[in-house]
Amino acid sequence: MRSCYICGSTGWIERHHVFNGSFRKKSEKYDAVVDLCHYCHNEPPNGVHFDQELDNELKAHFQELIMEREGWDTQRFIYEFGRNYIA
């Protein structure tokens, strides 16, 4: 059963590409796609599309996962995804 990556809810689940826009395909390629409930995904003020802090936390977390899995340094990640999200 699919559940929300953030709150654990199992209702009204939607797919979220952590790196969106022109990086959607790379999100899929590098497994940076998560299940989110509609409220954590697309409802203000706390949905990831409205909460910049939450969006940046997800991006930083997945940057770390991708870099570890792929054996990349920060510069390689920036080359692939356009910027560094890790503070």
PDB file of N, CA and C in Angstrom:
ATOM      1  N   MET A   1       0.838  -1.176   0.000  1.00  0.00           N
ATOM      2  CA  MET A   1       0.000   0.000   0.000  1.00  0.00           C
ATOM      3  C   MET A   1       0.886   1.243   0.000  1.00  0.00           C
ATOM      4  N   ARG A   2       0.553   2.184  -0.840  1.00  0.00           N
ATOM      5  CA  ARG A   2       1.310   3.431  -0.929  1.00  0.00           C
ATOM      6  C   ARG A   2       0.967   4.338   0.255  1.00  0.00           C
ATOM      7  N   SER A   3       1.965   5.041   0.746  1.00  0.00           N
ATOM      8  CA  SER A   3       1.730   5.970   1.849  1.00  0.00           C
ATOM      9  C   SER A   3       2.574   7.225   1.642  1.00  0.00           C
ATOM     10  N   CYS A   4       2.143   8.289   2.282  1.00  0.00           N
ATOM     11  CA  CYS A   4       2.802   9.583   2.162  1.00  0.00           C
ATOM     12  C   CYS A   4       4.196   9.533   2.788  1.00  0.00           C
ATOM     13  N   TYR A   5       5.180   9.955   2.041  1.00  0.00           N
ATOM     14  CA  TYR A   5       6.570   9.990   2.481  1.00  0.00           C
ATOM     15  C   TYR A   5       6.749  10.912   3.686  1.00  0.00           C
ATOM     16  N   ILE A   6       5.899  11.919   3.806  1.00  0.00           N
ATOM     17  CA  ILE A   6       6.032  12.909   4.875  1.00  0.00           C
ATOM     18  C   ILE A   6       5.219  12.536   6.111  1.00  0.00           C
ATOM     19  N   CYS A   7       3.926  12.283   5.940  1.00  0.00           N
ATOM     20  CA  CYS A   7       3.060  12.082   7.111  1.00  0.00           C
ATOM     21  C   CYS A   7       2.608  10.639   7.316  1.00  0.00           C
ATOM     22  N   GLY A   8       2.800   9.780   6.315  1.00  0.00           N
ATOM     23  CA  GLY A   8       2.422   8.377   6.447  1.00  0.00           C
ATOM     24  C   GLY A   8       0.990   8.062   6.057  1.00  0.00           C
ATOM     25  N   SER A   9       0.196   9.064   5.726  1.00  0.00           N
ATOM     26  CA  SER A   9      -1.201   8.845   5.325  1.00  0.00           C
ATOM     27  C   SER A   9      -1.265   7.926   4.110  1.00  0.00           C
ATOM     28  N   THR A  10      -2.348   7.160   4.015  1.00  0.00           N
ATOM     29  CA  THR A  10      -2.524   6.271   2.871  1.00  0.00           C
ATOM     30  C   THR A  10      -3.642   6.738   1.945  1.00  0.00           C
ATOM     31  N   GLY A  11      -4.224   7.885   2.237  1.00  0.00           N
ATOM     32  CA  GLY A  11      -5.317   8.402   1.416  1.00  0.00           C
ATOM     33  C   GLY A  11      -4.867   9.454   0.418  1.00  0.00           C
ATOM     34  N   TRP A  12      -5.474   9.443  -0.769  1.00  0.00           N
ATOM     35  CA  TRP A  12      -5.278  10.437  -1.824  1.00  0.00           C
ATOM     36  C   TRP A  12      -3.789  10.650  -2.122  1.00  0.00           C
ATOM     37  N   ILE A  13      -3.130   9.580  -2.541  1.00  0.00           N
ATOM     38  CA  ILE A  13      -1.690   9.591  -2.782  1.00  0.00           C
ATOM     39  C   ILE A  13      -1.379  10.066  -4.204  1.00  0.00           C
ATOM     40  N   GLU A  14      -0.365  10.927  -4.309  1.00  0.00           N
ATOM     41  CA  GLU A  14       0.089  11.470  -5.587  1.00  0.00           C
ATOM     42  C   GLU A  14       1.611  11.306  -5.677  1.00  0.00           C
ATOM     43  N   ARG A  15       2.118  11.203  -6.895  1.00  0.00           N
ATOM     44  CA  ARG A  15       3.565  11.119  -7.107  1.00  0.00           C
ATOM     45  C   ARG A  15       4.159  12.528  -7.136  1.00  0.00           C
ATOM     46  N   HIS A  16       5.294  12.675  -6.479  1.00  0.00           N
ATOM     47  CA  HIS A  16       5.996  13.956  -6.462  1.00  0.00           C
ATOM     48  C   HIS A  16       7.424  13.762  -6.952  1.00  0.00           C
ATOM     49  N   HIS A  17       7.795  14.512  -7.988  1.00  0.00           N
ATOM     50  CA  HIS A  17       9.176  14.522  -8.472  1.00  0.00           C
ATOM     51  C   HIS A  17       9.941  15.539  -7.634  1.00  0.00           C
ATOM     52  N   VAL A  18      10.914  15.066  -6.883  1.00  0.00           N
ATOM     53  CA  VAL A  18      11.648  15.936  -5.971  1.00  0.00           C
ATOM     54  C   VAL A  18      12.330  17.071  -6.739  1.00  0.00           C
ATOM     55  N   PHE A  19      12.935  16.738  -7.848  1.00  0.00           N
ATOM     56  CA  PHE A  19      13.554  17.746  -8.708  1.00  0.00           C
ATOM     57  C   PHE A  19      12.627  17.902  -9.902  1.00  0.00           C
ATOM     58  N   ASN A  20      11.926  19.020  -9.962  1.00  0.00           N
ATOM     59  CA  ASN A  20      10.862  19.185 -10.950  1.00  0.00           C
ATOM     60  C   ASN A  20      11.319  20.018 -12.136  1.00  0.00           C
ATOM     61  N   GLY A  21      10.379  20.459 -12.921  1.00  0.00           N
ATOM     62  CA  GLY A  21      10.693  21.262 -14.098  1.00  0.00           C
ATOM     63  C   GLY A  21      11.523  20.461 -15.087  1.00  0.00           C
ATOM     64  N   SER A  22      12.603  21.058 -15.543  1.00  0.00           N
ATOM     65  CA  SER A  22      13.444  20.396 -16.544  1.00  0.00           C
ATOM     66  C   SER A  22      14.192  19.188 -15.978  1.00  0.00           C
ATOM     67  N   PHE A  23      14.117  18.969 -14.663  1.00  0.00           N
ATOM     68  CA  PHE A  23      14.810  17.841 -14.040  1.00  0.00           C
ATOM     69  C   PHE A  23      13.877  16.677 -13.692  1.00  0.00           C
ATOM     70  N   ARG A  24      12.628  16.730 -14.155  1.00  0.00           N
ATOM     71  CA  ARG A  24      11.668  15.646 -13.871  1.00  0.00           C
ATOM     72  C   ARG A  24      12.174  14.281 -14.331  1.00  0.00           C
ATOM     73  N   LYS A  25      12.680  14.207 -15.536  1.00  0.00           N
ATOM     74  CA  LYS A  25      13.170  12.923 -16.055  1.00  0.00           C
ATOM     75  C   LYS A  25      14.358  12.425 -15.246  1.00  0.00           C
ATOM     76  N   LYS A  26      15.203  13.334 -14.799  1.00  0.00           N
ATOM     77  CA  LYS A  26      16.336  12.929 -13.963  1.00  0.00           C
ATOM     78  C   LYS A  26      15.847  12.480 -12.583  1.00  0.00           C
ATOM     79  N   SER A  27      14.778  13.092 -12.079  1.00  0.00           N
ATOM     80  CA  SER A  27      14.198  12.614 -10.826  1.00  0.00           C
ATOM     81  C   SER A  27      13.794  11.154 -10.961  1.00  0.00           C
ATOM     82  N   GLU A  28      13.177  10.815 -12.089  1.00  0.00           N
ATOM     83  CA  GLU A  28      12.787   9.430 -12.310  1.00  0.00           C
ATOM     84  C   GLU A  28      14.009   8.536 -12.483  1.00  0.00           C
ATOM     85  N   LYS A  29      14.962   8.973 -13.277  1.00  0.00           N
ATOM     86  CA  LYS A  29      16.162   8.175 -13.549  1.00  0.00           C
ATOM     87  C   LYS A  29      16.919   7.859 -12.257  1.00  0.00           C
ATOM     88  N   TYR A  30      17.017   8.826 -11.350  1.00  0.00           N
ATOM     89  CA  TYR A  30      17.791   8.655 -10.128  1.00  0.00           C
ATOM     90  C   TYR A  30      16.912   8.363  -8.911  1.00  0.00           C
ATOM     91  N   ASP A  31      15.678   7.930  -9.160  1.00  0.00           N
ATOM     92  CA  ASP A  31      14.757   7.481  -8.107  1.00  0.00           C
ATOM     93  C   ASP A  31      14.496   8.556  -7.050  1.00  0.00           C
ATOM     94  N   ALA A  32      14.284   9.777  -7.517  1.00  0.00           N
ATOM     95  CA  ALA A  32      13.947  10.887  -6.624  1.00  0.00           C
ATOM     96  C   ALA A  32      12.482  11.258  -6.834  1.00  0.00           C
ATOM     97  N   VAL A  33      11.631  10.241  -6.722  1.00  0.00           N
ATOM     98  CA  VAL A  33      10.183  10.396  -6.842  1.00  0.00           C
ATOM     99  C   VAL A  33       9.576   9.766  -5.602  1.00  0.00           C
ATOM    100  N   VAL A  34       8.705  10.498  -4.929  1.00  0.00           N
ATOM    101  CA  VAL A  34       8.104   9.995  -3.696  1.00  0.00           C
ATOM    102  C   VAL A  34       6.589  10.078  -3.772  1.00  0.00           C
ATOM    103  N   ASP A  35       5.929   9.257  -2.983  1.00  0.00           N
ATOM    104  CA  ASP A  35       4.486   9.333  -2.812  1.00  0.00           C
ATOM    105  C   ASP A  35       4.183  10.342  -1.707  1.00  0.00           C
ATOM    106  N   LEU A  36       3.274  11.252  -2.007  1.00  0.00           N
ATOM    107  CA  LEU A  36       2.811  12.217  -1.010  1.00  0.00           C
ATOM    108  C   LEU A  36       1.291  12.228  -1.022  1.00  0.00           C
ATOM    109  N   CYS A  37       0.683  12.420   0.145  1.00  0.00           N
ATOM    110  CA  CYS A  37      -0.758  12.622   0.164  1.00  0.00           C
ATOM    111  C   CYS A  37      -1.029  13.997  -0.460  1.00  0.00           C
ATOM    112  N   HIS A  38      -2.239  14.198  -0.900  1.00  0.00           N
ATOM    113  CA  HIS A  38      -2.576  15.454  -1.569  1.00  0.00           C
ATOM    114  C   HIS A  38      -2.257  16.661  -0.693  1.00  0.00           C
ATOM    115  N   TYR A  39      -2.486  16.546   0.601  1.00  0.00           N
ATOM    116  CA  TYR A  39      -2.293  17.686   1.500  1.00  0.00           C
ATOM    117  C   TYR A  39      -0.815  18.036   1.668  1.00  0.00           C
ATOM    118  N   CYS A  40       0.053  17.019   1.756  1.00  0.00           N
ATOM    119  CA  CYS A  40       1.501  17.276   1.865  1.00  0.00           C
ATOM    120  C   CYS A  40       2.105  17.642   0.511  1.00  0.00           C
ATOM    121  N   HIS A  41       1.390  17.343  -0.554  1.00  0.00           N
ATOM    122  CA  HIS A  41       1.894  17.602  -1.890  1.00  0.00           C
ATOM    123  C   HIS A  41       1.462  18.962  -2.419  1.00  0.00           C
ATOM    124  N   ASN A  42       0.156  19.216  -2.417  1.00  0.00           N
ATOM    125  CA  ASN A  42      -0.333  20.314  -3.242  1.00  0.00           C
ATOM    126  C   ASN A  42      -1.374  21.217  -2.576  1.00  0.00           C
ATOM    127  N   GLU A  43      -1.355  21.291  -1.258  1.00  0.00           N
ATOM    128  CA  GLU A  43      -2.309  22.166  -0.565  1.00  0.00           C
ATOM    129  C   GLU A  43      -1.555  23.200   0.269  1.00  0.00           C
ATOM    130  N   PRO A  44      -1.917  24.476   0.138  1.00  0.00           N
ATOM    131  CA  PRO A  44      -1.285  25.496   0.977  1.00  0.00           C
ATOM    132  C   PRO A  44      -1.790  25.382   2.414  1.00  0.00           C
ATOM    133  N   PRO A  45      -1.042  25.786   3.387  1.00  0.00           N
ATOM    134  CA  PRO A  45       0.293  26.356   3.278  1.00  0.00           C
ATOM    135  C   PRO A  45       1.407  25.319   3.441  1.00  0.00           C
ATOM    136  N   ASN A  46       1.067  24.072   3.783  1.00  0.00           N
ATOM    137  CA  ASN A  46       2.086  23.094   4.158  1.00  0.00           C
ATOM    138  C   ASN A  46       2.499  22.129   3.063  1.00  0.00           C
ATOM    139  N   GLY A  47       1.795  22.109   1.945  1.00  0.00           N
ATOM    140  CA  GLY A  47       2.182  21.228   0.854  1.00  0.00           C
ATOM    141  C   GLY A  47       3.544  21.607   0.307  1.00  0.00           C
ATOM    142  N   VAL A  48       4.276  20.621  -0.172  1.00  0.00           N
ATOM    143  CA  VAL A  48       5.652  20.846  -0.629  1.00  0.00           C
ATOM    144  C   VAL A  48       5.732  21.893  -1.739  1.00  0.00           C
ATOM    145  N   HIS A  49       4.684  22.046  -2.530  1.00  0.00           N
ATOM    146  CA  HIS A  49       4.707  23.057  -3.578  1.00  0.00           C
ATOM    147  C   HIS A  49       4.466  24.475  -3.054  1.00  0.00           C
ATOM    148  N   PHE A  50       4.146  24.593  -1.770  1.00  0.00           N
ATOM    149  CA  PHE A  50       3.906  25.899  -1.160  1.00  0.00           C
ATOM    150  C   PHE A  50       4.869  26.201  -0.012  1.00  0.00           C
ATOM    151  N   ASP A  51       5.572  25.195   0.474  1.00  0.00           N
ATOM    152  CA  ASP A  51       6.468  25.331   1.626  1.00  0.00           C
ATOM    153  C   ASP A  51       7.910  25.183   1.141  1.00  0.00           C
ATOM    154  N   GLN A  52       8.580  26.299   0.902  1.00  0.00           N
ATOM    155  CA  GLN A  52       9.938  26.281   0.343  1.00  0.00           C
ATOM    156  C   GLN A  52      10.914  25.543   1.241  1.00  0.00           C
ATOM    157  N   GLU A  53      10.754  25.675   2.556  1.00  0.00           N
ATOM    158  CA  GLU A  53      11.652  24.993   3.489  1.00  0.00           C
ATOM    159  C   GLU A  53      11.522  23.473   3.341  1.00  0.00           C
ATOM    160  N   LEU A  54      10.303  22.975   3.287  1.00  0.00           N
ATOM    161  CA  LEU A  54      10.073  21.540   3.104  1.00  0.00           C
ATOM    162  C   LEU A  54      10.613  21.077   1.757  1.00  0.00           C
ATOM    163  N   ASP A  55      10.374  21.849   0.718  1.00  0.00           N
ATOM    164  CA  ASP A  55      10.880  21.509  -0.614  1.00  0.00           C
ATOM    165  C   ASP A  55      12.406  21.406  -0.589  1.00  0.00           C
ATOM    166  N   ASN A  56      13.075  22.358   0.031  1.00  0.00           N
ATOM    167  CA  ASN A  56      14.539  22.333   0.109  1.00  0.00           C
ATOM    168  C   ASN A  56      15.047  21.167   0.950  1.00  0.00           C
ATOM    169  N   GLU A  57      14.320  20.810   2.016  1.00  0.00           N
ATOM    170  CA  GLU A  57      14.712  19.658   2.835  1.00  0.00           C
ATOM    171  C   GLU A  57      14.662  18.374   2.019  1.00  0.00           C
ATOM    172  N   LEU A  58      13.579  18.188   1.258  1.00  0.00           N
ATOM    173  CA  LEU A  58      13.475  17.000   0.406  1.00  0.00           C
ATOM    174  C   LEU A  58      14.593  16.973  -0.630  1.00  0.00           C
ATOM    175  N   LYS A  59      14.847  18.108  -1.261  1.00  0.00           N
ATOM    176  CA  LYS A  59      15.896  18.178  -2.272  1.00  0.00           C
ATOM    177  C   LYS A  59      17.267  17.860  -1.661  1.00  0.00           C
ATOM    178  N   ALA A  60      17.570  18.402  -0.505  1.00  0.00           N
ATOM    179  CA  ALA A  60      18.854  18.140   0.156  1.00  0.00           C
ATOM    180  C   ALA A  60      18.982  16.662   0.512  1.00  0.00           C
ATOM    181  N   HIS A  61      17.910  16.086   1.034  1.00  0.00           N
ATOM    182  CA  HIS A  61      17.926  14.672   1.402  1.00  0.00           C
ATOM    183  C   HIS A  61      18.184  13.790   0.179  1.00  0.00           C
ATOM    184  N   PHE A  62      17.479  14.070  -0.891  1.00  0.00           N
ATOM    185  CA  PHE A  62      17.657  13.259  -2.091  1.00  0.00           C
ATOM    186  C   PHE A  62      18.980  13.552  -2.785  1.00  0.00           C
ATOM    187  N   GLN A  63      19.506  14.763  -2.663  1.00  0.00           N
ATOM    188  CA  GLN A  63      20.845  15.028  -3.177  1.00  0.00           C
ATOM    189  C   GLN A  63      21.843  14.120  -2.480  1.00  0.00           C
ATOM    190  N   GLU A  64      21.753  14.028  -1.159  1.00  0.00           N
ATOM    191  CA  GLU A  64      22.665  13.165  -0.403  1.00  0.00           C
ATOM    192  C   GLU A  64      22.534  11.711  -0.838  1.00  0.00           C
ATOM    193  N   LEU A  65      21.291  11.236  -1.002  1.00  0.00           N
ATOM    194  CA  LEU A  65      21.078   9.853  -1.426  1.00  0.00           C
ATOM    195  C   LEU A  65      21.664   9.586  -2.810  1.00  0.00           C
ATOM    196  N   ILE A  66      21.402  10.487  -3.743  1.00  0.00           N
ATOM    197  CA  ILE A  66      21.897  10.311  -5.110  1.00  0.00           C
ATOM    198  C   ILE A  66      23.420  10.355  -5.135  1.00  0.00           C
ATOM    199  N   MET A  67      24.008  11.324  -4.440  1.00  0.00           N
ATOM    200  CA  MET A  67      25.465  11.442  -4.431  1.00  0.00           C
ATOM    201  C   MET A  67      26.115  10.184  -3.856  1.00  0.00           C
ATOM    202  N   GLU A  68      25.538   9.648  -2.783  1.00  0.00           N
ATOM    203  CA  GLU A  68      26.092   8.433  -2.175  1.00  0.00           C
ATOM    204  C   GLU A  68      25.930   7.242  -3.113  1.00  0.00           C
ATOM    205  N   ARG A  69      24.743   7.078  -3.651  1.00  0.00           N
ATOM    206  CA  ARG A  69      24.452   5.924  -4.512  1.00  0.00           C
ATOM    207  C   ARG A  69      25.281   5.949  -5.798  1.00  0.00           C
ATOM    208  N   GLU A  70      25.446   7.151  -6.375  1.00  0.00           N
ATOM    209  CA  GLU A  70      26.148   7.279  -7.653  1.00  0.00           C
ATOM    210  C   GLU A  70      27.655   7.510  -7.492  1.00  0.00           C
ATOM    211  N   GLY A  71      28.096   7.775  -6.261  1.00  0.00           N
ATOM    212  CA  GLY A  71      29.509   8.053  -6.030  1.00  0.00           C
ATOM    213  C   GLY A  71      29.935   9.428  -6.541  1.00  0.00           C
ATOM    214  N   TRP A  72      29.003  10.369  -6.524  1.00  0.00           N
ATOM    215  CA  TRP A  72      29.260  11.713  -7.032  1.00  0.00           C
ATOM    216  C   TRP A  72      29.764  12.639  -5.934  1.00  0.00           C
ATOM    217  N   ASP A  73      30.536  13.636  -6.333  1.00  0.00           N
ATOM    218  CA  ASP A  73      30.839  14.753  -5.449  1.00  0.00           C
ATOM    219  C   ASP A  73      29.826  15.868  -5.725  1.00  0.00           C
ATOM    220  N   THR A  74      29.925  16.944  -4.977  1.00  0.00           N
ATOM    221  CA  THR A  74      28.961  18.040  -5.106  1.00  0.00           C
ATOM    222  C   THR A  74      28.987  18.647  -6.508  1.00  0.00           C
ATOM    223  N   GLN A  75      30.181  18.798  -7.074  1.00  0.00           N
ATOM    224  CA  GLN A  75      30.280  19.393  -8.406  1.00  0.00           C
ATOM    225  C   GLN A  75      29.559  18.554  -9.457  1.00  0.00           C
ATOM    226  N   ARG A  76      29.648  17.247  -9.345  1.00  0.00           N
ATOM    227  CA  ARG A  76      28.944  16.393 -10.308  1.00  0.00           C
ATOM    228  C   ARG A  76      27.437  16.532 -10.136  1.00  0.00           C
ATOM    229  N   PHE A  77      26.973  16.601  -8.887  1.00  0.00           N
ATOM    230  CA  PHE A  77      25.548  16.792  -8.662  1.00  0.00           C
ATOM    231  C   PHE A  77      25.086  18.114  -9.279  1.00  0.00           C
ATOM    232  N   ILE A  78      25.839  19.178  -9.067  1.00  0.00           N
ATOM    233  CA  ILE A  78      25.483  20.483  -9.637  1.00  0.00           C
ATOM    234  C   ILE A  78      25.443  20.396 -11.163  1.00  0.00           C
ATOM    235  N   TYR A  79      26.379  19.687 -11.751  1.00  0.00           N
ATOM    236  CA  TYR A  79      26.389  19.509 -13.206  1.00  0.00           C
ATOM    237  C   TYR A  79      25.091  18.852 -13.678  1.00  0.00           C
ATOM    238  N   GLU A  80      24.625  17.846 -12.943  1.00  0.00           N
ATOM    239  CA  GLU A  80      23.424  17.104 -13.334  1.00  0.00           C
ATOM    240  C   GLU A  80      22.131  17.833 -12.995  1.00  0.00           C
ATOM    241  N   PHE A  81      22.078  18.505 -11.830  1.00  0.00           N
ATOM    242  CA  PHE A  81      20.822  19.071 -11.334  1.00  0.00           C
ATOM    243  C   PHE A  81      20.825  20.590 -11.174  1.00  0.00           C
ATOM    244  N   GLY A  82      21.890  21.240 -11.588  1.00  0.00           N
ATOM    245  CA  GLY A  82      21.880  22.691 -11.665  1.00  0.00           C
ATOM    246  C   GLY A  82      22.286  23.473 -10.440  1.00  0.00           C
ATOM    247  N   ARG A  83      22.232  22.854  -9.264  1.00  0.00           N
ATOM    248  CA  ARG A  83      22.646  23.567  -8.044  1.00  0.00           C
ATOM    249  C   ARG A  83      22.812  22.612  -6.886  1.00  0.00           C
ATOM    250  N   ASN A  84      23.397  23.130  -5.813  1.00  0.00           N
ATOM    251  CA  ASN A  84      23.620  22.378  -4.584  1.00  0.00           C
ATOM    252  C   ASN A  84      22.503  22.727  -3.597  1.00  0.00           C
ATOM    253  N   TYR A  85      21.878  21.715  -2.995  1.00  0.00           N
ATOM    254  CA  TYR A  85      20.808  21.939  -2.030  1.00  0.00           C
ATOM    255  C   TYR A  85      21.242  21.678  -0.601  1.00  0.00           C
ATOM    256  N   ILE A  86      22.462  21.188  -0.422  1.00  0.00           N
ATOM    257  CA  ILE A  86      22.953  20.876   0.910  1.00  0.00           C
ATOM    258  C   ILE A  86      23.612  22.116   1.496  1.00  0.00           C
ATOM    259  N   ALA A  87      23.126  22.531   2.673  1.00  0.00           N
ATOM    260  CA  ALA A  87      23.651  23.757   3.308  1.00  0.00           C
ATOM    261  C   ALA A  87      25.035  23.529   3.850  1.00  0.00           C
TER     262      ALA A  87
END
